[in-house]
C-alpha cells in the first residue's frame, strides 16, 4: 500500500510506513484518554461518526493511489495520511472496548 500511495517513490513509501507506525501508536494512546463507556449507544454512535468522517478521506486516498499522476504533493499526502491512520487505530481500540462492554458476563472471556 505504501508503494502504491507513493507512486513508486521509495523514500516517500518509507515515510508512509513510518507514519503508519507513529499513527497507530498515537491512536492507541489517545484511546486511553477516553472515559469508560457508560452509555454504550452514545459511544457507538460517536465511533460510527468517526468512521463516517474517515470515509471521504479513504476515497480520496484510493483515488490518489489509483491515479496515474499523484494528486497531492508529498507533505500534503503525509498530512492527510497521519490523521487517517490515527483515527483508524483510535476507532478500532474503541470498538473493541465497546464490544466487550456490550457482551454478557459469561461471553466476555470469548470476546477479549
Protein backbone atom coordinates (compact mmCIF):
# COMPACT_ATOMS: atom_id res chain seq x y z
CA UNK A 1 0.00 0.00 0.00
CA UNK A 2 2.77 2.44 0.86
CA UNK A 3 4.42 1.91 -2.51
CA UNK A 4 1.12 2.43 -4.32
CA UNK A 5 0.36 5.61 -2.36
CA UNK A 6 3.89 6.85 -3.02
CA UNK A 7 3.59 6.07 -6.76
CA UNK A 8 6.81 4.08 -6.61
CA UNK A 9 8.90 6.68 -4.76
CA UNK A 10 10.93 4.62 -2.29
CA UNK A 11 11.65 7.36 0.27
CA UNK A 12 8.05 8.55 0.35
CA UNK A 13 6.93 4.93 0.78
CA UNK A 14 9.24 4.58 3.77
CA UNK A 15 7.85 7.79 5.28
CA UNK A 16 4.32 6.48 4.82
CA UNK A 17 5.22 3.25 6.64
CA UNK A 18 6.91 5.14 9.49
CA UNK A 19 3.94 7.49 9.81
CA UNK A 20 1.66 4.45 9.89
CA UNK A 21 3.60 3.10 12.87
CA UNK A 22 3.54 6.50 14.57
CA UNK A 23 -0.17 6.93 13.82
CA UNK A 24 -1.01 3.53 15.27
CA UNK A 25 0.87 4.41 18.45
CA UNK A 26 -0.72 7.86 18.77
CA UNK A 27 -4.22 6.49 18.07
CA UNK A 28 -3.89 3.80 20.73
CA UNK A 29 -2.50 6.29 23.25
CA UNK A 30 -5.34 8.74 22.53
CA UNK A 31 -7.77 5.90 23.11
CA UNK A 32 -6.70 5.77 26.76
CA UNK A 33 -7.85 9.38 27.15
CA UNK A 34 -11.45 8.30 26.57
CA UNK A 35 -13.64 7.87 29.63
CA UNK A 36 -15.00 4.40 30.33
CA UNK A 37 -18.14 3.96 28.22
CA UNK A 38 -21.19 4.12 30.47
CA UNK A 39 -23.65 4.86 27.67
CA UNK A 40 -22.82 2.27 25.04
CA UNK A 41 -25.20 3.62 22.41
CA UNK A 42 -23.69 7.11 22.66
CA UNK A 43 -20.15 5.77 22.35
CA UNK A 44 -21.18 3.54 19.45
CA UNK A 45 -22.75 6.49 17.63
CA UNK A 46 -19.61 8.55 18.21
CA UNK A 47 -17.48 5.70 16.88
CA UNK A 48 -19.68 5.46 13.79
CA UNK A 49 -19.32 9.24 13.33
CA UNK A 50 -15.52 8.89 13.36
CA UNK A 51 -15.77 6.08 10.79
CA UNK A 52 -18.14 8.16 8.63
CA UNK A 53 -15.75 11.10 8.72
CA UNK A 54 -12.93 8.82 7.58
CA UNK A 55 -14.85 7.57 4.53
CA UNK A 56 -14.29 10.64 2.28
CA UNK A 57 -10.61 10.67 3.20
CA UNK A 58 -10.37 6.98 2.36
CA UNK A 59 -11.98 7.62 -1.03
CA UNK A 60 -9.52 10.44 -1.73
CA UNK A 61 -6.58 8.23 -0.76
CA UNK A 62 -7.83 5.42 -3.01
CA UNK A 63 -8.24 7.91 -5.85
CA UNK A 64 -4.72 9.21 -5.27
CA UNK A 65 -3.31 5.68 -5.23
CA UNK A 66 -5.12 4.62 -8.40
CA UNK A 67 -4.35 7.75 -10.40
CA UNK A 68 -1.52 7.78 -12.92
CA UNK A 69 -0.15 11.03 -11.53
CA UNK A 70 -0.14 11.93 -7.81
CA UNK A 71 -2.94 14.25 -6.76
CA UNK A 72 -1.04 15.64 -3.77
CA UNK A 73 2.48 16.80 -3.03
CA UNK A 74 4.42 14.67 -0.56
CA UNK A 75 3.84 16.91 2.51
CA UNK A 76 0.10 17.16 1.79
CA UNK A 77 -0.19 13.40 1.36
CA UNK A 78 1.59 12.81 4.67
CA UNK A 79 -0.60 15.44 6.37
CA UNK A 80 -3.69 13.56 5.17
CA UNK A 81 -2.26 10.11 5.95
CA UNK A 82 -1.30 10.66 9.61
CA UNK A 83 -4.74 11.69 10.97
CA UNK A 84 -6.33 8.96 8.84
CA UNK A 85 -4.18 6.29 10.49
CA UNK A 86 -4.56 7.81 13.96
CA UNK A 87 -8.35 7.77 13.66
CA UNK A 88 -8.29 4.15 12.48
CA UNK A 89 -6.23 2.95 15.45
CA UNK A 90 -8.31 5.05 17.81
CA UNK A 91 -11.63 3.78 16.44
CA UNK A 92 -10.50 0.15 16.37
CA UNK A 93 -9.44 0.15 20.01
CA UNK A 94 -12.60 1.99 20.99
CA UNK A 95 -14.82 -0.50 19.16
CA UNK A 96 -13.10 -3.44 20.89
CA UNK A 97 -13.90 -1.95 24.30
CA UNK A 98 -17.49 -1.30 23.26
CA UNK A 99 -17.87 -4.92 22.15
CA UNK A 100 -16.53 -6.18 25.45
CA UNK A 101 -18.76 -3.80 27.45
CA UNK A 102 -21.86 -4.82 25.47
CA UNK A 103 -21.30 -8.55 25.90
CA UNK A 104 -22.92 -10.60 28.64
CA UNK A 105 -20.67 -11.50 31.56
CA UNK A 106 -20.28 -15.14 30.52
CA UNK A 107 -19.35 -14.12 26.94
CA UNK A 108 -16.69 -11.55 27.81
CA UNK A 109 -13.82 -14.05 28.01
CA UNK A 110 -14.51 -15.28 24.49
CA UNK A 111 -14.54 -11.73 23.10
CA UNK A 112 -11.39 -10.43 24.78
